[in-house]
Amino acid sequence: MNAISSPCIKVCVIDPASKLCQGCGRTLQEIAQWSRLSEAERLVMMATLEERLSLPRDGQAPRRSA
């Protein structure tokens, strides 16, 4: 069995303002659907996560640099 690609870094905290996981950048809905997505769909979504996490939120500095 092949392992499912995942951006999870075991820092599972949902930011109340952005509704994104502070560890991986996914929404709760995306996390819940993850195992049902195709590998191609997961890779497309993973390509956007770093950018999501680098965007400033509510006047705060970005968590990661782009």
C-alpha atoms as a PDB file:
ATOM      1  CA  MET A   1       0.000   0.000   0.000  1.00  0.00           C
ATOM      2  CA  ASN A   2       1.318   3.442  -0.931  1.00  0.00           C
ATOM      3  CA  ALA A   3       1.468   6.217   1.635  1.00  0.00           C
ATOM      4  CA  ILE A   4      -0.860   9.166   1.047  1.00  0.00           C
ATOM      5  CA  SER A   5       0.946  12.456   0.416  1.00  0.00           C
ATOM      6  CA  SER A   6       0.192  14.857   3.243  1.00  0.00           C
ATOM      7  CA  PRO A   7       1.348  18.322   4.311  1.00  0.00           C
ATOM      8  CA  CYS A   8       0.617  17.518   7.971  1.00  0.00           C
ATOM      9  CA  ILE A   9       3.473  18.432  10.329  1.00  0.00           C
ATOM     10  CA  LYS A  10       1.579  17.398  13.506  1.00  0.00           C
ATOM     11  CA  VAL A  11       0.873  21.016  14.518  1.00  0.00           C
ATOM     12  CA  CYS A  12      -2.920  20.770  14.405  1.00  0.00           C
ATOM     13  CA  VAL A  13      -4.209  24.162  15.529  1.00  0.00           C
ATOM     14  CA  ILE A  14      -6.977  25.932  13.603  1.00  0.00           C
ATOM     15  CA  ASP A  15      -6.553  29.705  13.457  1.00  0.00           C
ATOM     16  CA  PRO A  16      -9.923  31.230  14.432  1.00  0.00           C
ATOM     17  CA  ALA A  17      -9.576  34.167  12.022  1.00  0.00           C
ATOM     18  CA  SER A  18      -8.362  32.425   8.874  1.00  0.00           C
ATOM     19  CA  LYS A  19      -9.908  28.997   9.620  1.00  0.00           C
ATOM     20  CA  LEU A  20      -6.631  27.423   8.442  1.00  0.00           C
ATOM     21  CA  CYS A  21      -4.526  24.871  10.272  1.00  0.00           C
ATOM     22  CA  GLN A  22      -1.456  26.722  11.523  1.00  0.00           C
ATOM     23  CA  GLY A  23       0.687  23.675  10.796  1.00  0.00           C
ATOM     24  CA  CYS A  24      -0.296  22.733   7.255  1.00  0.00           C
ATOM     25  CA  GLY A  25      -2.530  25.527   5.949  1.00  0.00           C
ATOM     26  CA  ARG A  26      -5.565  23.365   5.168  1.00  0.00           C
ATOM     27  CA  THR A  27      -9.139  24.077   6.238  1.00  0.00           C
ATOM     28  CA  LEU A  28     -11.038  21.590   8.389  1.00  0.00           C
ATOM     29  CA  GLN A  29     -13.079  20.603   5.327  1.00  0.00           C
ATOM     30  CA  GLU A  30      -9.917  19.938   3.310  1.00  0.00           C
ATOM     31  CA  ILE A  31      -8.455  17.880   6.150  1.00  0.00           C
ATOM     32  CA  ALA A  32     -11.673  15.832   6.395  1.00  0.00           C
ATOM     33  CA  GLN A  33     -11.735  15.183   2.628  1.00  0.00           C
ATOM     34  CA  TRP A  34      -8.023  14.461   2.297  1.00  0.00           C
ATOM     35  CA  SER A  35      -8.162  10.657   2.170  1.00  0.00           C
ATOM     36  CA  ARG A  36     -10.907  10.765  -0.477  1.00  0.00           C
ATOM     37  CA  LEU A  37      -8.930  12.999  -2.863  1.00  0.00           C
ATOM     38  CA  SER A  38      -6.866  11.552  -5.673  1.00  0.00           C
ATOM     39  CA  GLU A  39      -3.087  11.866  -5.441  1.00  0.00           C
ATOM     40  CA  ALA A  40      -3.213  14.473  -8.221  1.00  0.00           C
ATOM     41  CA  GLU A  41      -5.803  16.532  -6.310  1.00  0.00           C
ATOM     42  CA  ARG A  42      -3.705  16.353  -3.137  1.00  0.00           C
ATOM     43  CA  LEU A  43      -0.578  17.509  -4.967  1.00  0.00           C
ATOM     44  CA  VAL A  44      -2.423  20.457  -6.540  1.00  0.00           C
ATOM     45  CA  MET A  45      -3.732  21.532  -3.142  1.00  0.00           C
ATOM     46  CA  MET A  46      -0.340  21.050  -1.469  1.00  0.00           C
ATOM     47  CA  ALA A  47       1.189  23.408  -4.031  1.00  0.00           C
ATOM     48  CA  THR A  48      -0.986  26.244  -2.670  1.00  0.00           C
ATOM     49  CA  LEU A  49      -0.476  25.716   1.058  1.00  0.00           C
ATOM     50  CA  GLU A  50       2.850  27.495   1.518  1.00  0.00           C
ATOM     51  CA  GLU A  51       1.411  30.603  -0.122  1.00  0.00           C
ATOM     52  CA  ARG A  52      -1.673  30.459   2.118  1.00  0.00           C
ATOM     53  CA  LEU A  53       0.484  30.321   5.220  1.00  0.00           C
ATOM     54  CA  SER A  54       2.668  33.196   4.015  1.00  0.00           C
ATOM     55  CA  LEU A  55      -0.242  35.641   3.616  1.00  0.00           C
ATOM     56  CA  PRO A  56      -0.635  38.189   6.434  1.00  0.00           C
ATOM     57  CA  ARG A  57      -3.759  37.667   8.539  1.00  0.00           C
ATOM     58  CA  ASP A  58      -5.629  40.454  10.323  1.00  0.00           C
ATOM     59  CA  GLY A  59      -2.621  42.738  10.584  1.00  0.00           C
ATOM     60  CA  GLN A  60      -0.332  39.955  11.799  1.00  0.00           C
ATOM     61  CA  ALA A  61       2.981  39.138  10.189  1.00  0.00           C
ATOM     62  CA  PRO A  62       3.015  36.010   8.033  1.00  0.00           C
ATOM     63  CA  ARG A  63       3.907  32.797   9.851  1.00  0.00           C
ATOM     64  CA  ARG A  64       6.248  31.606   7.112  1.00  0.00           C
ATOM     65  CA  SER A  65       8.295  33.519   4.580  1.00  0.00           C
ATOM     66  CA  ALA A  66       7.534  32.949   0.901  1.00  0.00           C
END
